Amino acid sequence: MRAMAAMLALAAGLLLGPAPGRAAGEAAGAFDYYVLALSWQPGWCQREGAARGAAACRPGAGRGFVLHGLWPQNERDWPTFCRTRWPDPPRRQTAAMADIFGSPGLAWYQWKKHGRCSGLPAGAYFDAVRAALASVVLPPLFDRLREELRVAPEVVEAAFLEANPHLSPEAVVVTCRDGMIHELRICLTRELAPRPCSASVGSECQRPARLPPPR
């Protein structure tokens, strides 16, 4: 029985191929493209944000899709917490990014985990974040939801493609977590032009998922 189990595990590994690895501590600037990650804030609030007392989760304060980050990405994996020659941003610089990140703390964490890997100084990286976000129109219909829906990920993707004719379906991935729409991820070149995503960006949802409304 053990031999049979081992053979089945080996066969599964050969069929599925190696899982994308997450690189950490690599040299800054060694990546293939960017991923602009937009999180569905109501889902985060339900999972953990409300329990933390996050201001974005208070009644009347919530929004739909919000910036999570701009992440350097490779075709098969993604670098994190890279070594860089640039100094970390001062508090005033991360505070100035709170309008799109939601808080100085998230701006700081995104720099530490992802921004360092861009190979850019903090100011240039934050400029790239703003430029990437400004290049995408967030469909306003999501902010107007008043009741929870169950939607296929293709519906969310289609709404973004309609609002952003410059994007192609290959440049967009919708992910789920805990049965809810989690993020919409847009793949961009290092010059912030749309490009196809690779498998390392994440698997698309395979079934209708919950879409709780903004608070």
Protein backbone atom coordinates (compact mmCIF):
# COMPACT_ATOMS: atom_id res chain seq x y z
CA MET A 1 0.00 0.00 0.00
CA ARG A 2 2.81 2.39 0.83
CA ALA A 3 4.44 1.72 -2.53
CA MET A 4 1.16 2.38 -4.33
CA ALA A 5 0.66 5.65 -2.42
CA ALA A 6 4.17 6.75 -3.31
CA MET A 7 3.57 5.96 -6.99
CA LEU A 8 0.32 7.96 -6.99
CA ALA A 9 2.04 10.93 -5.34
CA LEU A 10 4.84 10.79 -7.91
CA ALA A 11 2.35 10.60 -10.78
CA ALA A 12 0.45 13.60 -9.42
CA GLY A 13 3.68 15.55 -9.16
CA LEU A 14 4.60 14.76 -12.74
CA LEU A 15 1.16 15.76 -13.99
CA LEU A 16 0.91 18.98 -12.04
CA GLY A 17 4.52 20.02 -12.35
CA PRO A 18 6.48 21.85 -9.66
CA ALA A 19 4.55 24.42 -7.65
CA PRO A 20 5.76 28.00 -8.08
CA GLY A 21 8.24 28.86 -5.37
CA ARG A 22 8.34 32.05 -3.37
CA ALA A 23 11.81 33.51 -3.39
CA ALA A 24 12.93 35.64 -0.44
CA GLY A 25 15.97 37.79 0.16
CA GLU A 26 16.99 38.01 -3.49
CA ALA A 27 18.83 40.94 -5.00
CA ALA A 28 16.60 43.88 -5.86
CA GLY A 29 15.57 44.47 -9.45
CA ALA A 30 15.66 40.81 -10.55
CA PHE A 31 12.09 40.25 -11.75
CA ASP A 32 10.11 39.91 -14.97
CA TYR A 33 6.99 42.08 -14.55
CA TYR A 34 4.58 43.63 -12.04
CA VAL A 35 1.25 42.55 -10.60
CA LEU A 36 -1.17 45.25 -9.52
CA ALA A 37 -3.27 43.62 -6.79
CA LEU A 38 -6.72 45.04 -5.98
CA SER A 39 -8.41 43.48 -2.95
CA TRP A 40 -12.15 43.17 -2.37
CA GLN A 41 -12.22 45.07 0.93
CA PRO A 42 -15.59 43.77 2.23
CA GLY A 43 -14.24 40.21 2.09
CA TRP A 44 -11.13 41.20 4.05
CA CYS A 45 -13.34 42.94 6.59
CA GLN A 46 -15.40 39.79 7.08
CA ARG A 47 -12.36 37.55 7.39
CA GLU A 48 -10.23 39.65 9.70
CA GLY A 49 -10.43 43.41 9.33
CA ALA A 50 -13.59 43.97 11.40
CA ALA A 51 -12.21 41.85 14.23
CA ARG A 52 -9.09 44.05 14.24
CA GLY A 53 -11.22 47.19 14.48
CA ALA A 54 -9.94 48.50 11.15
CA ALA A 55 -11.33 51.93 10.29
CA ALA A 56 -12.05 50.78 6.72
CA CYS A 57 -14.47 48.20 8.11
CA ARG A 58 -16.68 50.58 10.08
CA PRO A 59 -20.23 51.04 8.78
CA GLY A 60 -20.31 53.70 6.08
CA ALA A 61 -16.54 53.73 5.64
CA GLY A 62 -16.04 50.77 3.36
CA ARG A 63 -15.31 50.55 -0.33
CA GLY A 64 -15.22 47.78 -2.90
CA PHE A 65 -11.93 47.11 -4.66
CA VAL A 66 -8.96 48.82 -3.04
CA LEU A 67 -5.22 48.81 -3.64
CA HIS A 68 -3.30 45.95 -2.06
CA GLY A 69 0.03 46.51 -3.74
CA LEU A 70 2.27 46.55 -6.79
CA TRP A 71 4.34 43.39 -6.72
CA PRO A 72 7.44 42.43 -8.72
CA GLN A 73 6.71 39.04 -10.28
CA ASN A 74 8.61 36.35 -12.14
CA GLU A 75 7.27 33.92 -14.71
CA ARG A 76 7.50 31.04 -12.21
CA ASP A 77 7.71 32.66 -8.77
CA TRP A 78 7.93 36.03 -7.04
CA PRO A 79 10.67 37.73 -5.00
CA THR A 80 10.05 39.15 -1.53
CA PHE A 81 12.03 41.02 1.15
CA CYS A 82 14.86 41.70 -1.28
CA ARG A 83 18.27 43.13 -0.53
CA THR A 84 18.47 46.70 -1.80
CA ARG A 85 20.99 49.51 -1.63
CA TRP A 86 18.22 52.09 -1.18
CA PRO A 87 17.24 53.31 2.29
CA ASP A 88 13.79 52.62 3.68
CA PRO A 89 11.29 55.49 3.37
CA PRO A 90 10.84 57.89 6.30
CA ARG A 91 7.48 58.06 8.06
CA ARG A 92 6.40 61.17 6.19
CA GLN A 93 6.80 59.32 2.90
CA THR A 94 4.71 56.32 3.92
CA ALA A 95 2.15 58.65 5.50
CA ALA A 96 1.80 60.43 2.16
CA MET A 97 0.79 57.09 0.58
CA ALA A 98 -2.04 56.42 3.03
CA ASP A 99 -4.60 57.93 0.64
CA ILE A 100 -4.26 54.94 -1.70
CA PHE A 101 -2.90 52.23 0.62
CA GLY A 102 -5.40 53.01 3.37
CA SER A 103 -2.76 53.43 6.08
CA PRO A 104 0.94 54.32 6.46
CA GLY A 105 1.48 50.87 7.98
CA LEU A 106 0.35 49.07 4.83
CA ALA A 107 2.45 51.39 2.66
CA TRP A 108 5.49 50.56 4.80
CA TYR A 109 4.82 46.81 4.71
CA GLN A 110 4.31 46.78 0.95
CA TRP A 111 7.61 48.61 0.50
CA LYS A 112 9.40 46.20 2.83
CA LYS A 113 8.01 43.02 1.25
CA HIS A 114 7.63 44.04 -2.41
CA GLY A 115 8.92 47.54 -3.08
CA ARG A 116 12.50 46.72 -2.19
CA CYS A 117 12.42 44.04 -4.91
CA SER A 118 11.67 46.62 -7.60
CA GLY A 119 15.25 47.92 -7.50
CA LEU A 120 13.87 51.46 -7.25
CA PRO A 121 14.30 53.97 -4.44
CA ALA A 122 11.19 54.27 -2.28
CA GLY A 123 9.99 57.49 -3.88
CA ALA A 124 10.22 56.06 -7.40
CA TYR A 125 8.51 52.84 -6.32
CA PHE A 126 5.62 54.75 -4.75
CA ASP A 127 5.36 56.84 -7.91
CA ALA A 128 5.07 53.60 -9.90
CA VAL A 129 2.33 52.39 -7.55
CA ARG A 130 0.34 55.57 -8.16
CA ALA A 131 0.88 55.38 -11.91
CA ALA A 132 -0.19 51.73 -12.06
CA LEU A 133 -3.33 52.40 -10.02
CA ALA A 134 -4.19 55.48 -12.09
CA SER A 135 -3.99 53.39 -15.26
CA VAL A 136 -6.96 51.28 -14.17
CA VAL A 137 -10.61 52.34 -13.88
CA LEU A 138 -12.38 50.71 -10.92
CA PRO A 139 -15.95 49.92 -12.06
CA PRO A 140 -18.22 52.03 -9.80
CA LEU A 141 -20.97 49.42 -9.77
CA PHE A 142 -19.03 47.40 -7.18
CA ASP A 143 -19.07 50.27 -4.68
CA ARG A 144 -22.85 50.48 -5.07
CA LEU A 145 -23.64 46.92 -3.97
CA ARG A 146 -26.17 46.82 -1.14
CA GLU A 147 -26.57 43.08 -0.64
CA GLU A 148 -24.36 40.04 -0.91
CA LEU A 149 -24.21 38.34 -4.28
CA ARG A 150 -22.91 35.02 -5.56
CA VAL A 151 -21.04 35.68 -8.77
CA ALA A 152 -18.85 33.80 -11.18
CA PRO A 153 -15.34 35.25 -11.37
CA GLU A 154 -15.95 35.88 -15.08
CA VAL A 155 -18.56 38.49 -14.11
CA VAL A 156 -15.99 40.45 -12.09
CA GLU A 157 -13.43 40.10 -14.87
CA ALA A 158 -15.92 41.22 -17.50
CA ALA A 159 -16.80 44.37 -15.54
CA PHE A 160 -13.12 45.36 -15.36
CA LEU A 161 -12.54 44.60 -19.04
CA GLU A 162 -15.53 46.72 -20.02
CA ALA A 163 -14.28 49.64 -17.91
CA ASN A 164 -10.71 49.16 -19.21
CA PRO A 165 -10.71 48.40 -22.95
CA HIS A 166 -6.91 48.49 -22.97
CA LEU A 167 -6.81 45.32 -20.86
CA SER A 168 -7.08 41.81 -22.31
CA PRO A 169 -8.51 38.76 -20.50
CA GLU A 170 -4.99 37.29 -20.39
CA ALA A 171 -3.82 40.26 -18.28
CA VAL A 172 -6.43 39.78 -15.55
CA VAL A 173 -6.79 37.08 -12.87
CA VAL A 174 -9.59 36.91 -10.27
CA THR A 175 -8.71 34.97 -7.11
CA CYS A 176 -10.90 33.66 -4.28
CA ARG A 177 -10.38 32.93 -0.61
CA ASP A 178 -12.73 31.24 1.88
CA GLY A 179 -15.46 31.08 -0.76
CA MET A 180 -15.33 34.84 -1.45
CA ILE A 181 -13.94 36.97 -4.24
CA HIS A 182 -10.53 37.89 -2.88
CA GLU A 183 -8.55 39.92 -5.41
CA LEU A 184 -8.37 41.09 -8.98
CA ARG A 185 -4.79 41.01 -10.21
CA ILE A 186 -3.61 42.88 -13.29
CA CYS A 187 -0.29 42.01 -14.93
CA LEU A 188 1.88 44.88 -16.16
CA THR A 189 5.27 45.13 -17.79
CA ARG A 190 8.10 46.88 -15.98
CA GLU A 191 7.00 49.95 -17.96
CA LEU A 192 3.44 49.44 -16.59
CA ALA A 193 1.85 48.36 -19.86
CA PRO A 194 -0.65 45.44 -19.74
CA ARG A 195 0.76 42.00 -20.49
CA PRO A 196 -0.38 38.36 -20.10
CA CYS A 197 -0.16 36.85 -16.63
CA SER A 198 1.84 33.71 -15.95
CA ALA A 199 0.63 30.81 -13.79
CA SER A 200 2.59 32.16 -10.81
CA VAL A 201 0.08 35.00 -10.38
CA GLY A 202 -2.49 32.62 -8.92
CA SER A 203 -5.31 30.31 -9.90
CA GLU A 204 -8.63 31.71 -10.99
CA CYS A 205 -11.79 30.87 -9.03
CA GLN A 206 -13.50 27.79 -10.38
CA ARG A 207 -17.03 28.37 -9.05
CA PRO A 208 -19.43 31.19 -8.12
CA ALA A 209 -18.15 33.00 -5.05
CA ARG A 210 -19.61 35.29 -2.43
CA LEU A 211 -19.31 39.03 -2.99
CA PRO A 212 -20.30 40.77 0.27
CA PRO A 213 -21.29 44.42 -0.08
CA PRO A 214 -19.23 47.39 1.15
CA ARG A 215 -19.98 48.39 4.73
